[in-house]
Every structure is written in structure tokens, then in C-alpha cells.
Amino acid sequence: MCVKSGEKLVIVGCSGSGGPAAMLAKKLMPEIDITVIRKEEFFIVR
């Protein structure tokens, strides 16, 4: 995947697969900015 530094990824939802998707995306593409839009107050960060 060709991703330029400074690109952004927005993930809507966190309760289903959004949270794991955000963590995997950051692991695979550490140069991009990831924003997760969620309703939950707390999310377990590993």
C-alpha cells in the first residue's frame, strides 16, 4: 500500500471491528494519522 506521510484515516465506530481495525492500521501504516469516532467513554488501549 502506498501511503504518503500526513495522510489521514477516519474510522467510525469502535465497538465492533472499528477499534481493532484502527490498531491494525496504525501497526501497518505508522506514518498516517488515525482518528476514531466513537460513542464509548473508555476504550482499552493495548
N, C-alpha and C. Protein backbone atom coordinates (compact mmCIF):
# COMPACT_ATOMS: atom_id res chain seq x y z
N MET A 1 0.85 -1.18 0.00
CA MET A 1 0.00 0.00 0.00
C MET A 1 0.89 1.23 0.00
N CYS A 2 0.62 2.16 -0.88
CA CYS A 2 1.42 3.37 -0.98
C CYS A 2 0.69 4.50 -0.25
N VAL A 3 1.17 4.83 0.94
CA VAL A 3 0.55 5.88 1.74
C VAL A 3 1.59 6.96 2.00
N LYS A 4 1.20 8.20 1.77
CA LYS A 4 2.11 9.32 1.99
C LYS A 4 2.02 9.78 3.43
N SER A 5 3.12 10.29 3.95
CA SER A 5 3.14 10.84 5.30
C SER A 5 2.18 12.02 5.38
N GLY A 6 1.42 12.10 6.45
CA GLY A 6 0.47 13.18 6.63
C GLY A 6 -0.94 12.84 6.17
N GLU A 7 -1.13 11.69 5.54
CA GLU A 7 -2.48 11.30 5.14
C GLU A 7 -3.27 10.90 6.37
N LYS A 8 -4.58 10.95 6.26
CA LYS A 8 -5.45 10.68 7.41
C LYS A 8 -6.41 9.54 7.10
N LEU A 9 -6.73 8.80 8.16
CA LEU A 9 -7.71 7.72 8.07
C LEU A 9 -8.72 7.95 9.19
N VAL A 10 -10.01 7.96 8.85
CA VAL A 10 -11.07 8.15 9.84
C VAL A 10 -11.86 6.85 9.93
N ILE A 11 -12.01 6.34 11.15
CA ILE A 11 -12.77 5.13 11.39
C ILE A 11 -13.97 5.50 12.26
N VAL A 12 -15.16 5.17 11.78
CA VAL A 12 -16.39 5.48 12.51
C VAL A 12 -16.85 4.22 13.21
N GLY A 13 -16.98 4.30 14.52
CA GLY A 13 -17.41 3.17 15.32
C GLY A 13 -16.22 2.46 15.94
N CYS A 14 -16.44 1.94 17.13
CA CYS A 14 -15.33 1.32 17.83
C CYS A 14 -15.76 0.04 18.54
N SER A 15 -17.04 -0.18 18.69
CA SER A 15 -17.49 -1.31 19.49
C SER A 15 -17.39 -2.65 18.76
N GLY A 16 -17.49 -2.64 17.46
CA GLY A 16 -17.40 -3.89 16.69
C GLY A 16 -15.98 -4.14 16.25
N SER A 17 -15.72 -3.85 15.00
CA SER A 17 -14.38 -4.08 14.47
C SER A 17 -13.60 -2.79 14.26
N GLY A 18 -14.19 -1.66 14.59
CA GLY A 18 -13.51 -0.37 14.39
C GLY A 18 -12.25 -0.21 15.22
N GLY A 19 -12.30 -0.60 16.49
CA GLY A 19 -11.14 -0.48 17.37
C GLY A 19 -9.97 -1.33 16.90
N PRO A 20 -10.21 -2.63 16.69
CA PRO A 20 -9.13 -3.47 16.17
C PRO A 20 -8.63 -3.02 14.80
N ALA A 21 -9.52 -2.50 13.96
CA ALA A 21 -9.11 -2.01 12.65
C ALA A 21 -8.18 -0.82 12.79
N ALA A 22 -8.47 0.07 13.74
CA ALA A 22 -7.61 1.23 13.96
C ALA A 22 -6.23 0.81 14.46
N MET A 23 -6.20 -0.16 15.38
CA MET A 23 -4.91 -0.63 15.90
C MET A 23 -4.10 -1.32 14.81
N LEU A 24 -4.74 -2.12 13.98
CA LEU A 24 -4.04 -2.81 12.90
C LEU A 24 -3.55 -1.81 11.85
N ALA A 25 -4.38 -0.83 11.52
CA ALA A 25 -3.99 0.18 10.53
C ALA A 25 -2.77 0.96 11.02
N LYS A 26 -2.73 1.31 12.29
CA LYS A 26 -1.58 2.05 12.83
C LYS A 26 -0.33 1.18 12.82
N LYS A 27 -0.49 -0.11 13.06
CA LYS A 27 0.65 -1.02 13.06
C LYS A 27 1.20 -1.18 11.63
N LEU A 28 0.29 -1.28 10.66
CA LEU A 28 0.70 -1.48 9.27
C LEU A 28 1.17 -0.19 8.59
N MET A 29 0.58 0.94 9.01
CA MET A 29 0.90 2.23 8.38
C MET A 29 1.17 3.28 9.45
N PRO A 30 2.31 3.21 10.14
CA PRO A 30 2.57 4.13 11.27
C PRO A 30 2.71 5.58 10.86
N GLU A 31 2.88 5.86 9.57
CA GLU A 31 3.08 7.24 9.13
C GLU A 31 1.78 8.02 8.94
N ILE A 32 0.62 7.37 9.04
CA ILE A 32 -0.64 8.09 8.83
C ILE A 32 -1.27 8.48 10.16
N ASP A 33 -2.14 9.49 10.11
CA ASP A 33 -2.89 9.93 11.28
C ASP A 33 -4.23 9.21 11.27
N ILE A 34 -4.58 8.60 12.41
CA ILE A 34 -5.84 7.86 12.50
C ILE A 34 -6.74 8.52 13.52
N THR A 35 -7.98 8.77 13.13
CA THR A 35 -8.99 9.33 14.02
C THR A 35 -10.12 8.31 14.15
N VAL A 36 -10.48 7.99 15.39
CA VAL A 36 -11.58 7.07 15.65
C VAL A 36 -12.74 7.88 16.23
N ILE A 37 -13.88 7.82 15.58
CA ILE A 37 -15.08 8.49 16.08
C ILE A 37 -15.91 7.44 16.78
N ARG A 38 -16.13 7.64 18.09
CA ARG A 38 -16.82 6.63 18.88
C ARG A 38 -17.68 7.27 19.95
N LYS A 39 -18.61 6.50 20.46
CA LYS A 39 -19.50 6.99 21.50
C LYS A 39 -19.02 6.59 22.89
N GLU A 40 -18.32 5.48 23.00
CA GLU A 40 -17.90 4.96 24.30
C GLU A 40 -16.97 5.94 25.01
N GLU A 41 -17.07 6.01 26.34
CA GLU A 41 -16.18 6.86 27.12
C GLU A 41 -14.79 6.27 27.22
N PHE A 42 -14.72 4.95 27.34
CA PHE A 42 -13.44 4.30 27.57
C PHE A 42 -13.18 3.25 26.50
N PHE A 43 -11.93 3.13 26.10
CA PHE A 43 -11.52 2.11 25.15
C PHE A 43 -10.22 1.53 25.66
N ILE A 44 -10.12 0.23 25.71
CA ILE A 44 -8.90 -0.42 26.23
C ILE A 44 -7.80 -0.28 25.20
N VAL A 45 -6.69 0.33 25.59
CA VAL A 45 -5.54 0.53 24.70
C VAL A 45 -4.50 -0.51 25.06
N ARG A 46 -4.03 -1.22 24.06
CA ARG A 46 -3.02 -2.25 24.30
C ARG A 46 -1.66 -1.76 23.93
